[in-house]
Structures are given as structure tokens and as C-alpha cells.
N, C-alpha and C. Protein backbone atom coordinates (compact mmCIF):
# COMPACT_ATOMS: atom_id res chain seq x y z
N MET A 1 1.10 -1.13 -0.01
CA MET A 1 -0.08 0.05 -0.02
C MET A 1 0.82 1.36 -0.10
N ASP A 2 0.31 2.22 -0.79
CA ASP A 2 1.24 3.49 -0.90
C ASP A 2 1.11 4.22 0.54
N PRO A 3 2.02 4.65 0.81
CA PRO A 3 2.25 5.34 2.41
C PRO A 3 1.17 6.67 2.27
N GLN A 4 1.15 7.24 1.23
CA GLN A 4 0.17 8.32 1.05
C GLN A 4 -1.05 8.15 1.32
N GLU A 5 -1.76 6.56 1.01
CA GLU A 5 -2.93 6.36 1.55
C GLU A 5 -3.30 6.44 2.88
N TYR A 6 -2.47 6.18 3.81
CA TYR A 6 -2.87 6.41 5.31
C TYR A 6 -3.11 7.95 5.58
N PHE A 7 -4.00 7.93 6.47
CA PHE A 7 -4.61 8.90 7.00
C PHE A 7 -3.76 9.54 8.40
N THR A 8 -3.73 10.80 8.75
CA THR A 8 -2.76 11.20 10.31
C THR A 8 -4.10 11.82 10.83
N VAL A 9 -4.01 11.66 12.19
CA VAL A 9 -4.96 12.22 12.80
C VAL A 9 -4.01 13.31 14.16
N HIS A 10 -4.57 14.20 14.36
CA HIS A 10 -3.88 15.43 15.43
C HIS A 10 -4.14 14.50 16.74
N HIS A 11 -3.03 13.96 17.62
CA HIS A 11 -3.54 13.45 18.85
C HIS A 11 -1.87 13.40 19.44
N LYS A 12 -2.04 13.51 20.86
CA LYS A 12 -0.77 13.66 21.55
C LYS A 12 -0.28 12.36 21.98
N LEU A 13 1.02 11.66 21.70
CA LEU A 13 1.14 10.44 22.23
C LEU A 13 2.46 10.89 22.72
N THR A 14 3.18 9.97 23.58
CA THR A 14 4.47 9.73 24.19
C THR A 14 5.33 9.40 23.13
N VAL A 15 6.60 9.82 22.72
CA VAL A 15 7.24 9.40 21.99
C VAL A 15 8.68 9.49 22.16
N ASN A 16 9.63 8.52 22.08
CA ASN A 16 11.41 8.59 22.51
C ASN A 16 11.72 8.59 21.01
N ILE A 17 12.68 9.72 20.99
CA ILE A 17 13.36 10.02 19.78
C ILE A 17 14.72 9.99 19.87
N GLU A 18 15.30 9.06 19.29
CA GLU A 18 16.77 8.97 19.65
C GLU A 18 17.60 9.02 18.16
N PRO A 19 18.05 10.34 18.02
CA PRO A 19 18.55 10.83 16.45
C PRO A 19 19.76 9.84 16.67
N LEU A 20 19.93 9.16 15.02
CA LEU A 20 21.28 8.35 14.98
C LEU A 20 22.44 9.07 14.00
N PRO A 21 23.52 8.90 14.34
CA PRO A 21 24.67 9.58 13.58
C PRO A 21 24.54 9.27 12.02
N SER A 22 25.39 10.48 11.39
CA SER A 22 25.02 10.41 9.82
C SER A 22 26.05 9.12 9.54
N GLY A 23 25.52 8.58 8.49
CA GLY A 23 26.41 7.38 8.35
C GLY A 23 25.88 6.28 8.65
N PHE A 24 24.85 5.94 9.73
CA PHE A 24 24.09 5.20 10.51
C PHE A 24 23.53 4.29 9.36
N THR A 25 23.79 2.82 9.22
CA THR A 25 23.43 2.03 8.18
C THR A 25 22.21 0.76 9.53
N LEU A 26 21.17 1.15 8.27
CA LEU A 26 19.86 0.39 9.27
C LEU A 26 19.94 -0.89 9.32
N PRO A 27 19.48 -1.90 10.27
CA PRO A 27 19.81 -3.35 10.48
C PRO A 27 19.20 -4.03 9.48
N ASP A 28 19.47 -5.16 8.90
CA ASP A 28 18.49 -5.96 8.17
C ASP A 28 17.27 -6.38 9.36
N GLN A 29 16.61 -6.61 8.42
CA GLN A 29 15.16 -7.16 8.89
C GLN A 29 15.18 -8.15 10.15
N MET A 30 16.08 -8.76 10.20
CA MET A 30 16.07 -10.25 11.28
C MET A 30 16.83 -9.22 12.54
N THR A 31 17.98 -8.82 12.28
CA THR A 31 18.27 -7.87 13.17
C THR A 31 17.42 -6.51 13.94
N PHE A 32 16.76 -6.10 12.98
CA PHE A 32 15.98 -5.17 13.54
C PHE A 32 14.94 -5.83 14.63
N THR A 33 14.26 -6.85 14.24
CA THR A 33 12.98 -7.83 14.60
C THR A 33 13.69 -8.04 16.17
N ALA A 34 15.10 -8.57 15.83
CA ALA A 34 15.80 -9.15 17.31
C ALA A 34 16.05 -8.21 18.22
N GLU A 35 16.25 -6.50 17.91
CA GLU A 35 16.70 -5.63 18.99
C GLU A 35 15.26 -4.87 19.31
N ILE A 36 14.10 -5.25 19.03
CA ILE A 36 12.94 -5.17 19.35
C ILE A 36 12.98 -5.24 21.07
N PRO A 37 12.11 -4.42 21.80
CA PRO A 37 12.63 -5.08 23.50
C PRO A 37 11.25 -5.97 23.31
N ALA A 38 11.34 -6.67 24.47
CA ALA A 38 10.51 -7.87 24.55
C ALA A 38 9.22 -7.42 25.06
N PRO A 39 8.90 -6.47 25.89
CA PRO A 39 7.47 -5.62 26.29
C PRO A 39 6.91 -5.26 24.76
N PHE A 40 7.40 -4.54 23.95
CA PHE A 40 6.91 -4.04 22.72
C PHE A 40 6.25 -5.27 21.87
N ILE A 41 7.08 -6.58 21.92
CA ILE A 41 6.39 -7.60 21.27
C ILE A 41 5.35 -8.35 22.14
N VAL A 42 5.22 -8.31 23.23
CA VAL A 42 4.28 -8.48 24.33
C VAL A 42 3.05 -7.84 24.22
N ALA A 43 3.19 -6.67 24.04
CA ALA A 43 2.20 -5.50 23.63
C ALA A 43 1.67 -5.93 22.51
N SER A 44 2.08 -6.22 21.52
CA SER A 44 1.69 -6.25 20.19
C SER A 44 0.71 -7.63 20.12
N GLU A 45 1.57 -8.80 20.73
CA GLU A 45 0.58 -10.02 20.81
C GLU A 45 -0.52 -9.86 21.63
N PHE A 46 -0.30 -8.79 22.69
CA PHE A 46 -1.74 -8.71 23.35
C PHE A 46 -2.99 -7.86 22.67
N SER A 47 -2.30 -6.71 22.04
CA SER A 47 -3.16 -6.22 21.09
C SER A 47 -4.15 -7.42 20.03
N GLN A 48 -3.12 -8.27 19.26
CA GLN A 48 -3.69 -9.13 18.36
C GLN A 48 -4.83 -9.73 19.11
N LEU A 49 -4.62 -10.48 20.34
CA LEU A 49 -5.62 -11.06 21.09
C LEU A 49 -6.62 -10.31 21.43
N ASP A 50 -6.46 -9.25 21.55
CA ASP A 50 -7.61 -8.19 22.30
C ASP A 50 -8.76 -8.43 20.69
N SER A 51 -8.34 -8.18 19.62
CA SER A 51 -9.07 -8.34 18.58
C SER A 51 -9.99 -9.61 18.32
N LEU A 52 -9.36 -10.66 18.67
CA LEU A 52 -10.10 -11.75 18.83
C LEU A 52 -10.83 -12.05 19.86
N THR A 53 -10.49 -11.33 21.05
CA THR A 53 -11.29 -11.37 22.30
C THR A 53 -12.72 -10.77 22.18
N GLU A 54 -12.71 -9.59 21.55
CA GLU A 54 -13.83 -8.58 21.07
C GLU A 54 -14.69 -9.27 20.21
N ASN A 55 -14.38 -10.07 19.25
CA ASN A 55 -15.17 -10.77 18.75
C ASN A 55 -15.91 -12.03 19.42
N ALA A 56 -15.31 -12.46 20.28
CA ALA A 56 -15.63 -13.43 21.04
C ALA A 56 -17.00 -13.10 21.93
N MET A 57 -16.71 -12.02 22.46
CA MET A 57 -17.33 -11.21 23.54
C MET A 57 -18.66 -10.56 22.88
N ASN A 58 -18.57 -10.41 21.45
CA ASN A 58 -19.83 -10.02 20.79
C ASN A 58 -20.54 -11.21 20.51
N ASP A 59 -20.14 -12.43 20.26
CA ASP A 59 -20.81 -13.58 20.20
C ASP A 59 -21.41 -13.83 21.48
N LEU A 60 -20.69 -13.72 22.50
CA LEU A 60 -21.42 -13.85 23.95
C LEU A 60 -22.53 -13.24 24.16
N ARG A 61 -22.56 -11.77 23.91
CA ARG A 61 -23.58 -10.76 24.09
C ARG A 61 -24.73 -11.25 23.54
N ASN A 62 -24.71 -11.68 21.93
CA ASN A 62 -25.90 -12.06 21.60
C ASN A 62 -26.47 -13.14 22.26
N SER A 63 -25.85 -14.28 23.25
CA SER A 63 -26.29 -15.38 23.74
C SER A 63 -26.31 -14.90 25.01
N ASP A 64 -26.65 -13.39 25.49
CA ASP A 64 -26.91 -13.42 27.17
C ASP A 64 -26.24 -14.05 28.40
N PHE A 65 -24.78 -13.71 28.00
CA PHE A 65 -23.50 -14.47 29.07
C PHE A 65 -23.18 -12.93 29.88
N LYS A 66 -24.08 -12.24 30.14
CA LYS A 66 -23.76 -11.14 30.88
C LYS A 66 -22.58 -11.39 32.03
N HIS A 67 -22.48 -12.27 32.90
CA HIS A 67 -21.62 -12.46 33.97
C HIS A 67 -20.39 -12.79 33.19
N VAL A 68 -20.23 -13.59 32.19
CA VAL A 68 -19.27 -14.22 31.62
C VAL A 68 -18.36 -12.91 30.81
N ILE A 69 -19.31 -11.92 30.32
CA ILE A 69 -18.84 -10.90 29.61
C ILE A 69 -18.19 -9.87 30.71
N HIS A 70 -18.61 -9.84 31.80
CA HIS A 70 -18.33 -8.86 32.51
C HIS A 70 -16.96 -9.47 33.12
N LEU A 71 -16.64 -10.78 33.71
CA LEU A 71 -15.44 -11.22 33.93
C LEU A 71 -14.51 -11.10 33.04
N LEU A 72 -14.58 -11.20 31.93
CA LEU A 72 -13.54 -11.08 30.57
C LEU A 72 -13.07 -9.66 30.48
N ASP A 73 -14.12 -8.90 30.57
CA ASP A 73 -13.95 -7.38 30.75
C ASP A 73 -12.95 -7.25 32.12
N ASN A 74 -13.11 -7.49 32.88
CA ASN A 74 -12.39 -7.37 34.11
C ASN A 74 -10.98 -8.01 34.02
N GLN A 75 -11.07 -9.01 33.41
CA GLN A 75 -9.66 -9.56 33.32
C GLN A 75 -8.86 -9.02 32.25
N ASN A 76 -9.65 -8.40 31.25
CA ASN A 76 -8.49 -7.74 30.09
C ASN A 76 -8.22 -6.45 30.81
N SER A 77 -9.18 -5.93 31.72
CA SER A 77 -8.71 -4.58 31.94
C SER A 77 -7.28 -4.64 33.29
N LYS A 78 -7.41 -5.79 33.89
CA LYS A 78 -6.08 -6.36 34.55
C LYS A 78 -5.30 -6.19 33.92
N LEU A 79 -5.09 -7.21 32.66
CA LEU A 79 -3.96 -7.22 31.80
C LEU A 79 -3.70 -5.95 31.04
N ASN A 80 -4.78 -5.22 30.72
CA ASN A 80 -4.03 -4.08 30.14
C ASN A 80 -3.47 -3.00 30.79
N LEU A 81 -3.76 -3.05 32.26
CA LEU A 81 -2.97 -2.21 33.42
C LEU A 81 -1.78 -2.64 33.62
N LEU A 82 -1.54 -3.97 33.62
CA LEU A 82 -0.18 -4.38 33.79
C LEU A 82 0.45 -4.24 32.20
N LEU A 83 0.11 -4.26 31.24
CA LEU A 83 0.88 -4.02 30.19
C LEU A 83 1.25 -2.68 30.15
N THR A 84 0.47 -1.71 30.58
CA THR A 84 0.65 -0.28 30.64
C THR A 84 1.66 0.10 31.41
N PHE A 85 1.59 -0.89 32.51
CA PHE A 85 2.81 -0.38 33.50
C PHE A 85 4.16 -0.95 32.94
N MET A 86 3.96 -2.30 32.27
CA MET A 86 5.50 -2.64 31.73
C MET A 86 5.93 -1.76 30.55
N LEU A 87 5.34 -0.94 29.84
CA LEU A 87 5.63 -0.44 28.88
C LEU A 87 5.95 1.32 29.46
N ALA A 88 5.67 1.37 30.23
CA ALA A 88 5.80 2.78 30.96
C ALA A 88 7.41 2.61 31.35
N GLN A 89 7.79 1.42 31.78
CA GLN A 89 9.23 1.22 32.15
C GLN A 89 10.05 1.47 30.67
N GLN A 90 9.88 1.55 29.56
CA GLN A 90 10.28 1.56 28.18
C GLN A 90 10.61 2.95 27.80
N ASP A 91 9.76 3.88 28.47
CA ASP A 91 9.85 5.19 28.39
C ASP A 91 11.15 5.88 28.89
N ASP A 92 11.82 6.45 28.09
CA ASP A 92 13.21 7.04 28.32
C ASP A 92 12.72 8.55 28.25
N GLU A 93 12.62 9.35 29.65
CA GLU A 93 12.58 10.34 30.06
C GLU A 93 13.50 11.47 29.03
N SER A 94 14.72 10.91 28.93
CA SER A 94 15.93 11.87 28.35
C SER A 94 15.49 11.85 26.55
N SER A 95 14.60 10.93 26.16
CA SER A 95 14.69 11.37 24.93
C SER A 95 13.00 11.58 24.69
N ARG A 96 12.17 11.83 25.62
CA ARG A 96 10.81 11.88 25.57
C ARG A 96 10.38 13.22 24.85
N HIS A 97 9.40 13.22 23.91
CA HIS A 97 8.58 14.21 23.13
C HIS A 97 7.18 13.66 23.02
N TYR A 98 6.54 14.69 22.48
CA TYR A 98 5.04 14.23 22.49
C TYR A 98 4.58 14.42 20.60
N THR A 99 3.76 13.66 20.48
CA THR A 99 3.65 14.01 18.71
C THR A 99 2.35 15.13 18.74
N THR A 100 2.38 15.41 17.57
CA THR A 100 1.33 16.37 17.57
C THR A 100 0.43 16.01 16.44
N SER A 101 0.69 14.65 15.71
CA SER A 101 -0.13 14.09 14.99
C SER A 101 0.52 12.38 14.50
N PHE A 102 -0.25 11.50 14.47
CA PHE A 102 0.49 10.24 13.76
C PHE A 102 -0.32 9.44 12.81
N GLY A 103 0.22 8.78 12.28
CA GLY A 103 -0.62 7.81 11.37
C GLY A 103 -0.08 6.68 11.04
N ALA A 104 -0.17 5.71 10.13
CA ALA A 104 0.64 4.70 9.93
C ALA A 104 1.64 4.85 8.75
N SER A 105 1.74 5.91 8.29
CA SER A 105 2.87 6.41 7.23
C SER A 105 4.10 7.23 8.06
N GLN A 106 3.76 8.08 9.01
CA GLN A 106 4.47 9.15 9.62
C GLN A 106 3.72 9.82 10.84
N PHE A 107 4.70 10.35 11.49
CA PHE A 107 4.12 10.80 12.85
C PHE A 107 5.10 12.00 12.98
N SER A 108 4.35 13.33 13.49
CA SER A 108 5.21 14.88 13.78
C SER A 108 4.92 14.92 15.48
N TYR A 109 6.03 15.76 15.63
CA TYR A 109 6.47 15.57 17.17
C TYR A 109 7.19 17.43 16.99
N GLN A 110 6.86 17.54 18.33
CA GLN A 110 7.55 18.90 19.06
C GLN A 110 9.04 18.84 19.36
N SER A 111 9.66 19.83 18.40
CA SER A 111 11.25 19.75 19.28
C SER A 111 11.97 20.80 19.63
N ALA A 112 12.24 21.02 20.35
CA ALA A 112 13.23 22.39 20.81
C ALA A 112 14.33 22.64 19.91
N SER A 113 14.61 21.73 19.15
CA SER A 113 16.07 21.72 18.37
C SER A 113 15.75 21.46 16.86
N GLU A 114 16.46 22.21 16.17
CA GLU A 114 16.09 21.56 14.69
C GLU A 114 16.76 20.30 14.35
N ILE A 115 16.00 19.34 13.71
CA ILE A 115 16.54 18.19 13.13
C ILE A 115 16.46 17.88 11.42
N PRO A 116 17.83 17.98 10.82
CA PRO A 116 17.63 18.38 9.56
C PRO A 116 16.96 17.21 8.87
N ALA A 117 16.28 17.28 7.88
CA ALA A 117 15.80 16.51 6.90
C ALA A 117 16.73 15.47 6.74
N GLY A 118 16.37 14.33 6.61
CA GLY A 118 17.10 13.01 6.20
C GLY A 118 17.92 12.28 7.41
N THR A 119 17.68 12.99 8.36
CA THR A 119 18.26 12.43 9.76
C THR A 119 17.39 10.83 10.17
N LEU A 120 18.07 10.03 10.41
CA LEU A 120 17.55 8.91 10.81
C LEU A 120 17.44 8.76 12.10
N ALA A 121 16.58 8.24 12.84
CA ALA A 121 16.42 8.05 14.12
C ALA A 121 15.41 6.87 14.78
N ARG A 122 15.84 6.23 15.96
CA ARG A 122 15.10 5.09 16.43
C ARG A 122 14.19 5.74 17.33
N ALA A 123 12.81 5.35 17.02
CA ALA A 123 11.82 5.90 17.70
C ALA A 123 10.93 4.87 18.32
N LYS A 124 10.24 5.10 19.45
CA LYS A 124 9.43 4.29 20.27
C LYS A 124 7.94 4.88 20.45
N LEU A 125 7.06 4.76 20.06
CA LEU A 125 5.67 5.37 20.31
C LEU A 125 4.87 4.72 21.00
N PHE A 126 4.26 5.20 22.17
CA PHE A 126 3.54 4.42 23.25
C PHE A 126 2.06 5.02 22.81
N LEU A 127 1.33 3.86 22.51
CA LEU A 127 0.00 4.19 22.18
C LEU A 127 -0.85 4.01 23.34
N ASP A 128 -1.91 4.67 23.28
CA ASP A 128 -3.31 4.58 24.57
C ASP A 128 -4.10 3.62 24.12
N HIS A 129 -4.73 3.50 23.02
CA HIS A 129 -5.38 2.39 22.51
C HIS A 129 -5.56 2.12 20.77
N PRO A 130 -5.43 0.77 20.85
CA PRO A 130 -4.93 -0.22 21.99
C PRO A 130 -3.61 0.05 22.54
N PRO A 131 -3.73 -0.30 23.89
CA PRO A 131 -2.50 -0.20 24.74
C PRO A 131 -1.21 -0.97 24.25
N ALA A 132 -0.36 -0.31 23.67
CA ALA A 132 0.66 -0.91 23.01
C ALA A 132 1.77 -0.03 22.59
N ALA A 133 3.33 -0.37 21.86
CA ALA A 133 3.96 0.38 22.08
C ALA A 133 4.75 -0.23 20.61
N ILE A 134 5.04 1.11 19.92
CA ILE A 134 6.04 0.66 18.73
C ILE A 134 7.22 1.01 18.52
N TYR A 135 7.97 0.14 18.31
CA TYR A 135 9.60 0.32 17.97
C TYR A 135 9.77 0.33 16.46
N CYS A 136 10.30 1.51 16.21
CA CYS A 136 10.80 1.59 14.69
C CYS A 136 11.96 2.50 14.68
N TYR A 137 12.17 2.29 13.13
CA TYR A 137 13.11 3.36 12.42
C TYR A 137 12.44 4.53 11.57
N ALA A 138 12.84 5.72 11.73
CA ALA A 138 12.00 6.83 11.31
C ALA A 138 13.10 7.96 10.38
N GLU A 139 12.82 8.62 9.63
CA GLU A 139 13.49 9.66 8.68
C GLU A 139 12.77 11.13 8.79
N ALA A 140 13.24 11.95 9.32
CA ALA A 140 12.91 13.39 9.17
C ALA A 140 12.79 13.64 7.73
N THR A 141 11.54 13.93 7.46
CA THR A 141 11.05 14.51 6.30
C THR A 141 10.97 16.17 6.29
N GLU A 142 11.04 16.51 7.24
CA GLU A 142 10.70 18.27 7.34
C GLU A 142 11.05 18.64 8.76
N CYS A 143 11.40 19.68 9.04
CA CYS A 143 11.51 20.38 10.24
C CYS A 143 10.94 21.85 9.90
N ILE A 144 9.84 22.07 10.54
CA ILE A 144 9.29 23.57 10.46
C ILE A 144 9.44 24.35 11.92
N PRO A 145 9.93 25.32 11.28
CA PRO A 145 10.02 26.32 12.63
C PRO A 145 8.70 26.70 13.25
N ASN A 146 8.29 26.98 14.41
CA ASN A 146 7.13 27.60 14.86
C ASN A 146 7.30 28.31 16.31
N GLU A 147 6.42 28.41 16.93
CA GLU A 147 6.52 29.30 18.00
C GLU A 147 7.15 28.72 19.37
N HIS A 148 7.29 27.61 19.43
CA HIS A 148 7.65 26.47 20.08
C HIS A 148 8.47 25.75 20.08
N GLY A 149 9.34 26.05 18.76
CA GLY A 149 10.97 25.30 18.64
C GLY A 149 10.38 24.92 16.81
N PHE A 150 10.26 23.65 16.89
CA PHE A 150 10.11 23.11 15.67
C PHE A 150 9.08 21.77 15.35
N GLU A 151 8.40 21.73 14.64
CA GLU A 151 7.66 20.53 14.52
C GLU A 151 8.34 19.91 13.39
N VAL A 152 8.62 18.55 13.70
CA VAL A 152 9.48 17.51 12.83
C VAL A 152 8.68 16.54 12.45
N ILE A 153 8.66 16.18 11.30
CA ILE A 153 7.72 15.16 10.55
C ILE A 153 9.01 13.97 10.28
N MET A 154 8.55 12.69 10.84
CA MET A 154 9.32 12.03 10.75
C MET A 154 8.59 10.63 9.88
N LYS A 155 9.08 10.18 8.89
CA LYS A 155 8.45 9.04 7.89
C LYS A 155 9.01 7.26 8.37
N TYR A 156 8.24 6.51 8.47
CA TYR A 156 8.56 5.52 9.10
C TYR A 156 9.34 4.50 7.70
N ILE A 157 10.68 4.17 8.48
CA ILE A 157 11.21 3.43 7.17
C ILE A 157 11.74 2.04 7.41
N MET A 158 11.37 1.65 9.04
CA MET A 158 11.79 0.15 9.26
C MET A 158 10.67 0.06 10.17
N LEU A 159 9.35 -0.75 10.14
CA LEU A 159 8.31 -0.75 10.89
C LEU A 159 7.35 -2.20 10.66
N ARG A 160 7.25 -2.97 11.52
CA ARG A 160 7.01 -4.25 11.40
C ARG A 160 5.50 -4.15 11.01
N GLU A 161 5.08 -5.25 10.15
CA GLU A 161 3.58 -5.11 9.33
C GLU A 161 2.47 -5.00 10.38
N GLN A 162 2.77 -5.48 11.45
CA GLN A 162 1.68 -5.78 12.73
C GLN A 162 1.87 -4.65 13.50
N ASP A 163 2.87 -3.71 13.66
CA ASP A 163 2.87 -2.68 14.06
C ASP A 163 2.24 -1.38 13.34
N GLN A 164 2.24 -1.53 12.14
CA GLN A 164 1.55 -0.35 11.04
C GLN A 164 0.03 -0.82 11.36
N ASP A 165 -0.24 -2.22 11.33
CA ASP A 165 -1.80 -2.46 11.69
C ASP A 165 -2.25 -1.75 12.97
N LEU A 166 -1.72 -1.99 13.95
CA LEU A 166 -1.72 -1.32 15.34
C LEU A 166 -1.76 0.10 15.29
N LEU A 167 -0.98 1.02 14.41
CA LEU A 167 -1.13 2.45 14.42
C LEU A 167 -2.27 2.95 13.47
N ILE A 168 -2.85 1.75 12.30
CA ILE A 168 -3.88 2.21 11.75
C ILE A 168 -5.07 1.96 12.76
N ARG A 169 -5.34 0.95 13.70
CA ARG A 169 -6.25 0.64 14.57
C ARG A 169 -6.49 1.82 15.82
N ALA A 170 -4.98 2.46 16.06
CA ALA A 170 -4.95 3.53 16.93
C ALA A 170 -5.47 4.81 16.58
N ALA A 171 -5.10 4.98 15.08
CA ALA A 171 -5.37 6.20 14.42
C ALA A 171 -7.32 6.24 14.09
N LEU A 172 -7.57 5.16 13.77
CA LEU A 172 -9.12 4.93 13.68
C LEU A 172 -9.86 5.18 14.95
N TYR A 173 -9.40 4.68 15.97
CA TYR A 173 -9.86 5.09 17.39
C TYR A 173 -10.08 6.31 17.56
N GLN A 174 -8.87 7.41 16.98
CA GLN A 174 -8.85 8.52 17.59
C GLN A 174 -9.87 9.50 16.92
N GLN A 175 -9.78 8.83 15.61
CA GLN A 175 -11.02 9.63 14.75
C GLN A 175 -12.33 9.44 15.20
N GLN A 176 -12.59 8.10 15.30
CA GLN A 176 -14.25 7.58 16.00
C GLN A 176 -14.35 8.76 17.04
N LYS A 177 -13.34 8.55 17.92
CA LYS A 177 -13.58 9.29 19.37
C LYS A 177 -14.11 10.87 18.73
N LEU A 178 -13.01 11.39 17.72
CA LEU A 178 -13.37 12.92 17.60
C LEU A 178 -14.64 12.95 17.13
N LEU A 179 -15.42 12.32 16.09
CA LEU A 179 -16.51 12.21 15.26
C LEU A 179 -17.44 11.93 16.58
N ARG A 180 -17.24 11.16 17.54
CA ARG A 180 -18.52 11.01 18.69
C ARG A 180 -18.50 12.13 19.47
N GLN A 181 -17.50 13.10 19.66
CA GLN A 181 -17.46 14.05 20.58
C GLN A 181 -18.28 15.21 19.43
N ARG A 182 -17.64 15.15 18.04
CA ARG A 182 -18.32 16.52 17.51
C ARG A 182 -19.93 16.25 17.30
N SER A 183 -20.22 14.76 17.33
CA SER A 183 -21.80 14.51 17.19
C SER A 183 -22.65 15.03 18.62
N LEU A 184 -21.93 14.56 19.80
CA LEU A 184 -22.40 15.19 20.88
C LEU A 184 -22.28 16.67 21.19
N ASN A 185 -21.59 17.07 20.76
CA ASN A 185 -21.57 18.68 20.46
C ASN A 185 -22.69 19.15 20.04
N ARG A 186 -22.84 18.78 18.73
CA ARG A 186 -23.96 19.29 17.56
C ARG A 186 -25.23 18.94 18.56
N GLU A 187 -25.56 17.72 19.21
CA GLU A 187 -26.82 17.79 19.93
C GLU A 187 -26.87 18.26 21.30
N ASN A 188 -25.87 18.79 21.42
CA ASN A 188 -25.92 19.94 22.85
C ASN A 188 -26.28 21.39 22.43
N GLN A 189 -25.83 21.40 21.21
CA GLN A 189 -26.11 22.78 20.69
C GLN A 189 -27.60 23.38 20.74
């Protein structure tokens, strides 16, 4: 799929950015996969299982198993809390920034210093929903001066396919949330 086909949503996520020295050579796919921190792999697997759980719970709702659904919701909430705590341990305060927008092909963040176009970076994005974290390599494509410093636009250059799927789900969730809020605002006017 062409990267331009993915939409971007304006949303604040925690992101760790580690600019890499010029001349840095990207790892091959096997090395890249091996260097992804274990909690990121676990979070990705949890998110995949959450999708299956949602489908099973919808079937149970149709069969009137409210107590089972409540139990499953509670167990899922416990696992998500544990997962969120585990991922928070991977957040490095010294490289922490916040996105201004994100999608499945790129993200942007606010930086106090200029990042030249073409700069490679190792990035960790921490998603709210689904609770997960993305480990990837990205390249600065633009650095736009603004009143807060610079808005840096980063394009993913090494990203696992399942992580791209997570980014799509996260962006869709934020878009749906925004649309619901707009609908509520119209109803209240």
C-alpha cells in the first residue's frame, strides 16, 4: 500500500526519539526484529489477542452471558493495566517528546532543536488505545519552525507490518472518538 493512502490524526502520544549519527546503517530485517524490546513484542501480541477477544465477546453478548462478559472485561482490564505499567518502564525521559499527529506512514512531534531532513532516528511510540508500543526507525522529512521550536515530521522506514496495523487501529480509534465528540457537541447545541 502506498504510504500516502494512510490518514493522519492530530493526537498527543508519548514518543521517544533517538537521533542516529550520519552514516548510520539500518539493520537488516532479522536484526531489527531481534532488537525490539520484549515488552513491545508482548504488547503487540496482547493487542492481536484483544481483537479476537472482542469478536468472542460480541458472540457472547448475543447469547446473554452477561456475567461471563463482565468477568472477561475485568480480566482484560487487569492485563491492560499490567501491560501499561510494563510499557511505561520503556519510556526514556531523556528522549521523550509528544506527537502532534500520527498515522501509519508518519508522525510529527514538537522539538526544541532543529532536526535536519534526512536524519535517521530510532523511535518508540506509546499508544493509548490499543495499549501498545511501537519500536521503529524513522527519517526526518521536514523540520518546520514554529513558536514552540520546531515541528519535525518523521516517516517510518523500518516498521513491522503488525505494528503498522496497530497504528491504523489507533488512528481509527482516535478519529472515531473525535467524530463521536463532534456529534455530541452538535446534539448539545
